[in-house]
Amino acid sequence: MVRTPLTPEERARGRFLGALLREARGERSMSEVAAAAGISAETLRKIETGRAPTPAFFTIAALAGALGLSLDEVAAACAPEERSTAAA
């Protein structure tokens, strides 16, 4: 199966998601947060660095729960219209 290339917007959204997760993680270790979310530290590393810009919904939901974020907060931080408003 061939995956279609990601659009620049999808890649940007992945970078914003990664930055949000890194900020929410704070001083906690990557291993600690990954274990709490039930994912591998490598998966979290890929998401935080933007190398996995389109993680599965349940992965995002698990990370949000482990970090004390609501899915609404995650969606708002990654939505293009919210980013452009915040930058203005």
PDB file of N, CA and C in Angstrom:
ATOM      1  N   MET A   1       0.838  -1.171   0.000  1.00  0.00           N
ATOM      2  CA  MET A   1       0.000   0.000   0.000  1.00  0.00           C
ATOM      3  C   MET A   1       0.892   1.247   0.000  1.00  0.00           C
ATOM      4  N   VAL A   2       0.588   2.161  -0.866  1.00  0.00           N
ATOM      5  CA  VAL A   2       1.362   3.391  -0.986  1.00  0.00           C
ATOM      6  C   VAL A   2       0.616   4.508  -0.267  1.00  0.00           C
ATOM      7  N   ARG A   3       1.338   5.215   0.595  1.00  0.00           N
ATOM      8  CA  ARG A   3       0.740   6.351   1.298  1.00  0.00           C
ATOM      9  C   ARG A   3       0.901   7.608   0.459  1.00  0.00           C
ATOM     10  N   THR A   4      -0.124   8.425   0.447  1.00  0.00           N
ATOM     11  CA  THR A   4      -0.016   9.688  -0.263  1.00  0.00           C
ATOM     12  C   THR A   4       0.866  10.630   0.544  1.00  0.00           C
ATOM     13  N   PRO A   5       1.644  11.451  -0.121  1.00  0.00           N
ATOM     14  CA  PRO A   5       2.515  12.398   0.605  1.00  0.00           C
ATOM     15  C   PRO A   5       1.684  13.363   1.439  1.00  0.00           C
ATOM     16  N   LEU A   6       2.241  13.772   2.558  1.00  0.00           N
ATOM     17  CA  LEU A   6       1.557  14.733   3.417  1.00  0.00           C
ATOM     18  C   LEU A   6       1.640  16.127   2.818  1.00  0.00           C
ATOM     19  N   THR A   7       0.614  16.894   3.047  1.00  0.00           N
ATOM     20  CA  THR A   7       0.608  18.275   2.583  1.00  0.00           C
ATOM     21  C   THR A   7       1.446  19.119   3.546  1.00  0.00           C
ATOM     22  N   PRO A   8       1.877  20.288   3.106  1.00  0.00           N
ATOM     23  CA  PRO A   8       2.604  21.183   4.025  1.00  0.00           C
ATOM     24  C   PRO A   8       1.781  21.512   5.275  1.00  0.00           C
ATOM     25  N   GLU A   9       0.468  21.642   5.125  1.00  0.00           N
ATOM     26  CA  GLU A   9      -0.386  21.936   6.281  1.00  0.00           C
ATOM     27  C   GLU A   9      -0.385  20.766   7.265  1.00  0.00           C
ATOM     28  N   GLU A  10      -0.425  19.538   6.762  1.00  0.00           N
ATOM     29  CA  GLU A  10      -0.385  18.370   7.647  1.00  0.00           C
ATOM     30  C   GLU A  10       0.943  18.297   8.396  1.00  0.00           C
ATOM     31  N   ARG A  11       2.019  18.612   7.706  1.00  0.00           N
ATOM     32  CA  ARG A  11       3.331  18.610   8.363  1.00  0.00           C
ATOM     33  C   ARG A  11       3.403  19.706   9.434  1.00  0.00           C
ATOM     34  N   ALA A  12       2.870  20.880   9.121  1.00  0.00           N
ATOM     35  CA  ALA A  12       2.867  21.983  10.091  1.00  0.00           C
ATOM     36  C   ALA A  12       2.021  21.622  11.304  1.00  0.00           C
ATOM     37  N   ARG A  13       0.877  21.016  11.072  1.00  0.00           N
ATOM     38  CA  ARG A  13       0.008  20.602  12.175  1.00  0.00           C
ATOM     39  C   ARG A  13       0.749  19.597  13.075  1.00  0.00           C
ATOM     40  N   GLY A  14       1.519  18.699  12.476  1.00  0.00           N
ATOM     41  CA  GLY A  14       2.311  17.746  13.249  1.00  0.00           C
ATOM     42  C   GLY A  14       3.364  18.437  14.098  1.00  0.00           C
ATOM     43  N   ARG A  15       3.997  19.485  13.547  1.00  0.00           N
ATOM     44  CA  ARG A  15       4.991  20.240  14.328  1.00  0.00           C
ATOM     45  C   ARG A  15       4.338  20.952  15.507  1.00  0.00           C
ATOM     46  N   PHE A  16       3.154  21.542  15.282  1.00  0.00           N
ATOM     47  CA  PHE A  16       2.445  22.219  16.371  1.00  0.00           C
ATOM     48  C   PHE A  16       2.021  21.222  17.445  1.00  0.00           C
ATOM     49  N   LEU A  17       1.564  20.046  17.038  1.00  0.00           N
ATOM     50  CA  LEU A  17       1.189  19.009  17.997  1.00  0.00           C
ATOM     51  C   LEU A  17       2.404  18.605  18.824  1.00  0.00           C
ATOM     52  N   GLY A  18       3.523  18.379  18.163  1.00  0.00           N
ATOM     53  CA  GLY A  18       4.740  17.994  18.868  1.00  0.00           C
ATOM     54  C   GLY A  18       5.174  19.040  19.874  1.00  0.00           C
ATOM     55  N   ALA A  19       5.113  20.309  19.478  1.00  0.00           N
ATOM     56  CA  ALA A  19       5.500  21.399  20.382  1.00  0.00           C
ATOM     57  C   ALA A  19       4.559  21.465  21.588  1.00  0.00           C
ATOM     58  N   LEU A  20       3.269  21.283  21.344  1.00  0.00           N
ATOM     59  CA  LEU A  20       2.294  21.296  22.436  1.00  0.00           C
ATOM     60  C   LEU A  20       2.589  20.173  23.424  1.00  0.00           C
ATOM     61  N   LEU A  21       2.857  18.985  22.918  1.00  0.00           N
ATOM     62  CA  LEU A  21       3.126  17.846  23.793  1.00  0.00           C
ATOM     63  C   LEU A  21       4.425  18.028  24.573  1.00  0.00           C
ATOM     64  N   ARG A  22       5.453  18.545  23.904  1.00  0.00           N
ATOM     65  CA  ARG A  22       6.724  18.801  24.600  1.00  0.00           C
ATOM     66  C   ARG A  22       6.524  19.791  25.738  1.00  0.00           C
ATOM     67  N   GLU A  23       5.780  20.861  25.460  1.00  0.00           N
ATOM     68  CA  GLU A  23       5.533  21.877  26.481  1.00  0.00           C
ATOM     69  C   GLU A  23       4.731  21.298  27.648  1.00  0.00           C
ATOM     70  N   ALA A  24       3.709  20.514  27.339  1.00  0.00           N
ATOM     71  CA  ALA A  24       2.868  19.929  28.390  1.00  0.00           C
ATOM     72  C   ALA A  24       3.644  18.899  29.211  1.00  0.00           C
ATOM     73  N   ARG A  25       4.608  18.234  28.600  1.00  0.00           N
ATOM     74  CA  ARG A  25       5.399  17.221  29.303  1.00  0.00           C
ATOM     75  C   ARG A  25       6.273  17.862  30.363  1.00  0.00           C
ATOM     76  N   GLY A  26       6.742  19.081  30.108  1.00  0.00           N
ATOM     77  CA  GLY A  26       7.551  19.809  31.079  1.00  0.00           C
ATOM     78  C   GLY A  26       8.796  19.043  31.469  1.00  0.00           C
ATOM     79  N   GLU A  27       8.979  18.843  32.768  1.00  0.00           N
ATOM     80  CA  GLU A  27      10.169  18.173  33.299  1.00  0.00           C
ATOM     81  C   GLU A  27      10.032  16.653  33.335  1.00  0.00           C
ATOM     82  N   ARG A  28       8.836  16.146  33.033  1.00  0.00           N
ATOM     83  CA  ARG A  28       8.644  14.693  33.054  1.00  0.00           C
ATOM     84  C   ARG A  28       9.453  14.050  31.943  1.00  0.00           C
ATOM     85  N   SER A  29       9.944  12.864  32.190  1.00  0.00           N
ATOM     86  CA  SER A  29      10.738  12.184  31.167  1.00  0.00           C
ATOM     87  C   SER A  29       9.833  11.643  30.066  1.00  0.00           C
ATOM     88  N   MET A  30      10.420  11.480  28.907  1.00  0.00           N
ATOM     89  CA  MET A  30       9.699  10.927  27.778  1.00  0.00           C
ATOM     90  C   MET A  30       9.201   9.517  28.112  1.00  0.00           C
ATOM     91  N   SER A  31      10.033   8.743  28.776  1.00  0.00           N
ATOM     92  CA  SER A  31       9.672   7.366  29.143  1.00  0.00           C
ATOM     93  C   SER A  31       8.481   7.341  30.096  1.00  0.00           C
ATOM     94  N   GLU A  32       8.470   8.260  31.051  1.00  0.00           N
ATOM     95  CA  GLU A  32       7.380   8.327  32.027  1.00  0.00           C
ATOM     96  C   GLU A  32       6.048   8.639  31.354  1.00  0.00           C
ATOM     97  N   VAL A  33       6.050   9.628  30.481  1.00  0.00           N
ATOM     98  CA  VAL A  33       4.822  10.027  29.796  1.00  0.00           C
ATOM     99  C   VAL A  33       4.373   8.937  28.830  1.00  0.00           C
ATOM    100  N   ALA A  34       5.318   8.364  28.109  1.00  0.00           N
ATOM    101  CA  ALA A  34       4.975   7.305  27.155  1.00  0.00           C
ATOM    102  C   ALA A  34       4.351   6.115  27.883  1.00  0.00           C
ATOM    103  N   ALA A  35       4.931   5.720  29.009  1.00  0.00           N
ATOM    104  CA  ALA A  35       4.393   4.597  29.778  1.00  0.00           C
ATOM    105  C   ALA A  35       2.980   4.907  30.276  1.00  0.00           C
ATOM    106  N   ALA A  36       2.770   6.133  30.746  1.00  0.00           N
ATOM    107  CA  ALA A  36       1.445   6.529  31.231  1.00  0.00           C
ATOM    108  C   ALA A  36       0.408   6.504  30.111  1.00  0.00           C
ATOM    109  N   ALA A  37       0.848   6.781  28.884  1.00  0.00           N
ATOM    110  CA  ALA A  37      -0.061   6.792  27.737  1.00  0.00           C
ATOM    111  C   ALA A  37      -0.180   5.420  27.078  1.00  0.00           C
ATOM    112  N   GLY A  38       0.686   4.490  27.472  1.00  0.00           N
ATOM    113  CA  GLY A  38       0.636   3.154  26.880  1.00  0.00           C
ATOM    114  C   GLY A  38       1.251   3.075  25.501  1.00  0.00           C
ATOM    115  N   ILE A  39       2.221   3.949  25.227  1.00  0.00           N
ATOM    116  CA  ILE A  39       2.920   3.921  23.940  1.00  0.00           C
ATOM    117  C   ILE A  39       4.416   3.820  24.213  1.00  0.00           C
ATOM    118  N   SER A  40       5.185   3.598  23.174  1.00  0.00           N
ATOM    119  CA  SER A  40       6.635   3.521  23.360  1.00  0.00           C
ATOM    120  C   SER A  40       7.235   4.930  23.415  1.00  0.00           C
ATOM    121  N   ALA A  41       8.381   5.021  24.073  1.00  0.00           N
ATOM    122  CA  ALA A  41       9.085   6.300  24.125  1.00  0.00           C
ATOM    123  C   ALA A  41       9.494   6.732  22.722  1.00  0.00           C
ATOM    124  N   GLU A  42       9.819   5.788  21.860  1.00  0.00           N
ATOM    125  CA  GLU A  42      10.195   6.116  20.477  1.00  0.00           C
ATOM    126  C   GLU A  42       9.019   6.729  19.722  1.00  0.00           C
ATOM    127  N   THR A  43       7.822   6.208  19.944  1.00  0.00           N
ATOM    128  CA  THR A  43       6.637   6.795  19.303  1.00  0.00           C
ATOM    129  C   THR A  43       6.436   8.222  19.776  1.00  0.00           C
ATOM    130  N   LEU A  44       6.560   8.452  21.071  1.00  0.00           N
ATOM    131  CA  LEU A  44       6.427   9.816  21.598  1.00  0.00           C
ATOM    132  C   LEU A  44       7.507  10.713  21.020  1.00  0.00           C
ATOM    133  N   ARG A  45       8.711  10.222  20.932  1.00  0.00           N
ATOM    134  CA  ARG A  45       9.822  11.008  20.357  1.00  0.00           C
ATOM    135  C   ARG A  45       9.495  11.412  18.914  1.00  0.00           C
ATOM    136  N   LYS A  46       8.991  10.473  18.139  1.00  0.00           N
ATOM    137  CA  LYS A  46       8.652  10.769  16.740  1.00  0.00           C
ATOM    138  C   LYS A  46       7.540  11.812  16.643  1.00  0.00           C
ATOM    139  N   ILE A  47       6.559  11.714  17.519  1.00  0.00           N
ATOM    140  CA  ILE A  47       5.463  12.690  17.496  1.00  0.00           C
ATOM    141  C   ILE A  47       5.979  14.066  17.907  1.00  0.00           C
ATOM    142  N   GLU A  48       6.752  14.117  18.977  1.00  0.00           N
ATOM    143  CA  GLU A  48       7.255  15.403  19.465  1.00  0.00           C
ATOM    144  C   GLU A  48       8.179  16.088  18.469  1.00  0.00           C
ATOM    145  N   THR A  49       8.928  15.325  17.695  1.00  0.00           N
ATOM    146  CA  THR A  49       9.854  15.925  16.738  1.00  0.00           C
ATOM    147  C   THR A  49       9.228  16.151  15.369  1.00  0.00           C
ATOM    148  N   GLY A  50       7.974  15.735  15.191  1.00  0.00           N
ATOM    149  CA  GLY A  50       7.307  15.938  13.915  1.00  0.00           C
ATOM    150  C   GLY A  50       7.596  14.862  12.888  1.00  0.00           C
ATOM    151  N   ARG A  51       8.345  13.827  13.259  1.00  0.00           N
ATOM    152  CA  ARG A  51       8.635  12.736  12.322  1.00  0.00           C
ATOM    153  C   ARG A  51       7.428  11.828  12.131  1.00  0.00           C
ATOM    154  N   ALA A  52       6.450  11.912  13.033  1.00  0.00           N
ATOM    155  CA  ALA A  52       5.178  11.198  12.903  1.00  0.00           C
ATOM    156  C   ALA A  52       4.079  12.249  13.010  1.00  0.00           C
ATOM    157  N   PRO A  53       3.870  13.028  11.943  1.00  0.00           N
ATOM    158  CA  PRO A  53       2.972  14.182  12.023  1.00  0.00           C
ATOM    159  C   PRO A  53       1.489  13.852  12.055  1.00  0.00           C
ATOM    160  N   THR A  54       1.127  12.600  11.776  1.00  0.00           N
ATOM    161  CA  THR A  54      -0.290  12.242  11.776  1.00  0.00           C
ATOM    162  C   THR A  54      -0.528  11.000  12.637  1.00  0.00           C
ATOM    163  N   PRO A  55      -0.304  11.107  13.950  1.00  0.00           N
ATOM    164  CA  PRO A  55      -0.525   9.940  14.811  1.00  0.00           C
ATOM    165  C   PRO A  55      -2.004   9.581  14.879  1.00  0.00           C
ATOM    166  N   ALA A  56      -2.267   8.350  15.254  1.00  0.00           N
ATOM    167  CA  ALA A  56      -3.648   7.878  15.377  1.00  0.00           C
ATOM    168  C   ALA A  56      -4.389   8.652  16.463  1.00  0.00           C
ATOM    169  N   PHE A  57      -5.688   8.775  16.284  1.00  0.00           N
ATOM    170  CA  PHE A  57      -6.528   9.501  17.237  1.00  0.00           C
ATOM    171  C   PHE A  57      -6.364   8.949  18.649  1.00  0.00           C
ATOM    172  N   PHE A  58      -6.384   7.633  18.805  1.00  0.00           N
ATOM    173  CA  PHE A  58      -6.304   7.053  20.142  1.00  0.00           C
ATOM    174  C   PHE A  58      -4.939   7.285  20.777  1.00  0.00           C
ATOM    175  N   THR A  59      -3.903   7.429  19.982  1.00  0.00           N
ATOM    176  CA  THR A  59      -2.580   7.772  20.508  1.00  0.00           C
ATOM    177  C   THR A  59      -2.607   9.193  21.062  1.00  0.00           C
ATOM    178  N   ILE A  60      -3.193  10.102  20.300  1.00  0.00           N
ATOM    179  CA  ILE A  60      -3.306  11.492  20.759  1.00  0.00           C
ATOM    180  C   ILE A  60      -4.164  11.562  22.020  1.00  0.00           C
ATOM    181  N   ALA A  61      -5.273  10.825  22.026  1.00  0.00           N
ATOM    182  CA  ALA A  61      -6.160  10.831  23.196  1.00  0.00           C
ATOM    183  C   ALA A  61      -5.432  10.295  24.427  1.00  0.00           C
ATOM    184  N   ALA A  62      -4.653   9.240  24.268  1.00  0.00           N
ATOM    185  CA  ALA A  62      -3.909   8.671  25.397  1.00  0.00           C
ATOM    186  C   ALA A  62      -2.861   9.655  25.903  1.00  0.00           C
ATOM    187  N   LEU A  63      -2.167  10.310  24.989  1.00  0.00           N
ATOM    188  CA  LEU A  63      -1.161  11.302  25.392  1.00  0.00           C
ATOM    189  C   LEU A  63      -1.818  12.491  26.082  1.00  0.00           C
ATOM    190  N   ALA A  64      -2.926  12.950  25.547  1.00  0.00           N
ATOM    191  CA  ALA A  64      -3.635  14.069  26.169  1.00  0.00           C
ATOM    192  C   ALA A  64      -4.028  13.711  27.598  1.00  0.00           C
ATOM    193  N   GLY A  65      -4.550  12.513  27.790  1.00  0.00           N
ATOM    194  CA  GLY A  65      -4.930  12.075  29.129  1.00  0.00           C
ATOM    195  C   GLY A  65      -3.742  12.001  30.066  1.00  0.00           C
ATOM    196  N   ALA A  66      -2.638  11.475  29.587  1.00  0.00           N
ATOM    197  CA  ALA A  66      -1.434  11.345  30.414  1.00  0.00           C
ATOM    198  C   ALA A  66      -0.849  12.700  30.781  1.00  0.00           C
ATOM    199  N   LEU A  67      -1.069  13.700  29.923  1.00  0.00           N
ATOM    200  CA  LEU A  67      -0.500  15.028  30.149  1.00  0.00           C
ATOM    201  C   LEU A  67      -1.493  16.008  30.766  1.00  0.00           C
ATOM    202  N   GLY A  68      -2.729  15.556  31.010  1.00  0.00           N
ATOM    203  CA  GLY A  68      -3.723  16.434  31.613  1.00  0.00           C
ATOM    204  C   GLY A  68      -4.282  17.464  30.650  1.00  0.00           C
ATOM    205  N   LEU A  69      -4.254  17.153  29.362  1.00  0.00           N
ATOM    206  CA  LEU A  69      -4.812  18.048  28.348  1.00  0.00           C
ATOM    207  C   LEU A  69      -6.164  17.517  27.899  1.00  0.00           C
ATOM    208  N   SER A  70      -7.077  18.405  27.564  1.00  0.00           N
ATOM    209  CA  SER A  70      -8.329  17.955  26.966  1.00  0.00           C
ATOM    210  C   SER A  70      -8.119  17.847  25.459  1.00  0.00           C
ATOM    211  N   LEU A  71      -8.920  17.029  24.819  1.00  0.00           N
ATOM    212  CA  LEU A  71      -8.817  16.916  23.368  1.00  0.00           C
ATOM    213  C   LEU A  71      -9.197  18.235  22.697  1.00  0.00           C
ATOM    214  N   ASP A  72     -10.057  19.004  23.332  1.00  0.00           N
ATOM    215  CA  ASP A  72     -10.398  20.327  22.797  1.00  0.00           C
ATOM    216  C   ASP A  72      -9.172  21.233  22.774  1.00  0.00           C
ATOM    217  N   GLU A  73      -8.364  21.182  23.833  1.00  0.00           N
ATOM    218  CA  GLU A  73      -7.141  21.988  23.875  1.00  0.00           C
ATOM    219  C   GLU A  73      -6.176  21.573  22.765  1.00  0.00           C
ATOM    220  N   VAL A  74      -6.036  20.273  22.580  1.00  0.00           N
ATOM    221  CA  VAL A  74      -5.133  19.761  21.547  1.00  0.00           C
ATOM    222  C   VAL A  74      -5.621  20.196  20.167  1.00  0.00           C
ATOM    223  N   ALA A  75      -6.907  20.028  19.913  1.00  0.00           N
ATOM    224  CA  ALA A  75      -7.464  20.403  18.611  1.00  0.00           C
ATOM    225  C   ALA A  75      -7.315  21.899  18.358  1.00  0.00           C
ATOM    226  N   ALA A  76      -7.594  22.708  19.371  1.00  0.00           N
ATOM    227  CA  ALA A  76      -7.496  24.156  19.208  1.00  0.00           C
ATOM    228  C   ALA A  76      -6.058  24.586  18.927  1.00  0.00           C
ATOM    229  N   ALA A  77      -5.108  23.959  19.594  1.00  0.00           N
ATOM    230  CA  ALA A  77      -3.702  24.332  19.401  1.00  0.00           C
ATOM    231  C   ALA A  77      -3.194  23.950  18.026  1.00  0.00           C
ATOM    232  N   CYS A  78      -3.805  22.948  17.422  1.00  0.00           N
ATOM    233  CA  CYS A  78      -3.326  22.456  16.126  1.00  0.00           C
ATOM    234  C   CYS A  78      -4.168  22.928  14.949  1.00  0.00           C
ATOM    235  N   ALA A  79      -5.268  23.620  15.212  1.00  0.00           N
ATOM    236  CA  ALA A  79      -6.142  24.095  14.137  1.00  0.00           C
ATOM    237  C   ALA A  79      -5.522  25.302  13.451  1.00  0.00           C
ATOM    238  N   PRO A  80      -5.487  25.330  12.129  1.00  0.00           N
ATOM    239  CA  PRO A  80      -4.853  26.438  11.405  1.00  0.00           C
ATOM    240  C   PRO A  80      -5.425  27.809  11.765  1.00  0.00           C
ATOM    241  N   GLU A  81      -6.744  27.929  11.916  1.00  0.00           N
ATOM    242  CA  GLU A  81      -7.326  29.237  12.208  1.00  0.00           C
ATOM    243  C   GLU A  81      -6.945  29.706  13.601  1.00  0.00           C
ATOM    244  N   GLU A  82      -6.763  28.797  14.546  1.00  0.00           N
ATOM    245  CA  GLU A  82      -6.353  29.177  15.885  1.00  0.00           C
ATOM    246  C   GLU A  82      -4.911  29.670  15.896  1.00  0.00           C
ATOM    247  N   ARG A  83      -4.044  29.022  15.126  1.00  0.00           N
ATOM    248  CA  ARG A  83      -2.642  29.428  15.074  1.00  0.00           C
ATOM    249  C   ARG A  83      -2.510  30.810  14.461  1.00  0.00           C
ATOM    250  N   SER A  84      -3.244  31.083  13.400  1.00  0.00           N
ATOM    251  CA  SER A  84      -3.115  32.389  12.744  1.00  0.00           C
ATOM    252  C   SER A  84      -3.663  33.504  13.641  1.00  0.00           C
ATOM    253  N   THR A  85      -4.711  33.208  14.412  1.00  0.00           N
ATOM    254  CA  THR A  85      -5.269  34.189  15.336  1.00  0.00           C
ATOM    255  C   THR A  85      -4.300  34.455  16.480  1.00  0.00           C
ATOM    256  N   ALA A  86      -3.672  33.397  16.991  1.00  0.00           N
ATOM    257  CA  ALA A  86      -2.733  33.542  18.106  1.00  0.00           C
ATOM    258  C   ALA A  86      -1.476  34.294  17.664  1.00  0.00           C
ATOM    259  N   ALA A  87      -1.079  34.148  16.419  1.00  0.00           N
ATOM    260  CA  ALA A  87       0.118  34.815  15.921  1.00  0.00           C
ATOM    261  C   ALA A  87      -0.106  36.296  15.688  1.00  0.00           C
ATOM    262  N   ALA A  88      -1.360  36.691  15.491  1.00  0.00           N
ATOM    263  CA  ALA A  88      -1.664  38.092  15.171  1.00  0.00           C
ATOM    264  C   ALA A  88      -1.583  39.000  16.372  1.00  0.00           C
TER     265      ALA A  88
END
